[in-house]
């Protein structure tokens, strides 16, 4: 069932009910909040999420029997080490939202000439373990009777991961080849062609792969909510960019059916795209100004007209979304993530309206909690 669309408005600074808080667990052990100088979580569409954390790392004396022993609080202990599992939550007033599940990949202590020693840690989503991994000689590389969700489950099991209960396993089947892609790129390819996301979540305390509609998508497993931000209030800044440099009005995907000895072809047009906004899309504006259709022709290995259609629409949508992009910053909001919608106001008739988030940076530190984001839209006008 599709959830009704709702709109949430961000609180203004100074509201004591919204004191920013974070929680960082390393192998289920809490990192002292007082030691976290800065925490950054980066989430981006079609890419792995990541985090970085700067910790105070003071020298401290401990006793080993009757003898004092000195250590640095974090860099001398193995509580923080590479490949340790990390779970991060961010939010306000004891209402923390899950933001990231990953592992530590780098440790970078700093011992300055003046000031306190620090320890910088960075890491990525647990899906990083799939990078550069490919199926062995005894593993399947091609499927003809499985849905993309079922194929994703096969790939996950290669790495001792199961699919979450909310993942999508149903759908149409088609011939799918992994070719020379590693397991990570192949999984992200399967997600992209379905407008899905593939992310690691904790389910019953254990990492699991979620493969399905993006969280926050109106077709997804959670209620869809647009975040309303107004410049001069909750929207700190916004810089839009409108460009027609790469715009086309249609994309044609051509292939060849070797069994039937016939051409496979589909042409996607602007009408095939569902885009918010009442104004013109980039391709339509180009036609109006130039007086002719602009077409991109792509030759690809496709197995059917349905596959050619899906690919053509995807390629046209990718290009159309480059028409109106922007970067913004707001008060920290854990609900702003890739594929969610921000409804921006106070920007004028041409740039007001809903945008799709493609990247979000959540930063907690001395200046509080802020969220910067990148967005895109196919059409001008609210």
Foldseek 3Di string as FASTA:
>chain_A
DFFDEAADEDDFPPPQQFFKDKWKAWLHHTDDPVFWFKKKWKFFALDWIKIKTKGFFAWDWDDDDPDIDIDTRPPVDVSADFFTWMWMWITGNPDTDTFAIWTWHDWDWDDDPDDTIMIMIMTTFNLVVQPPAADDPPDDFKDFPFQLQVVLQSLQVVVVAGEDPQADRDDDGGIDGNPPHTSSNSNSVSQLLVCWDWGWDADPNDTHIHTGHDVQPSPGDHHHYAYEDEDPTFWPDKDKDADLPQAFFKEKEWEAAPVVGDIAMDIDGPVNDDFDFDADFSNVVCCVVVVDGGYHYHYDHDNHNVRRVSVRVSVNVVSLQVRMKMKTKGFADSVDHAQHWYQYHPPDFFAGGIWGWRMKMWMARPVGIMIMTMTTGRGTGD
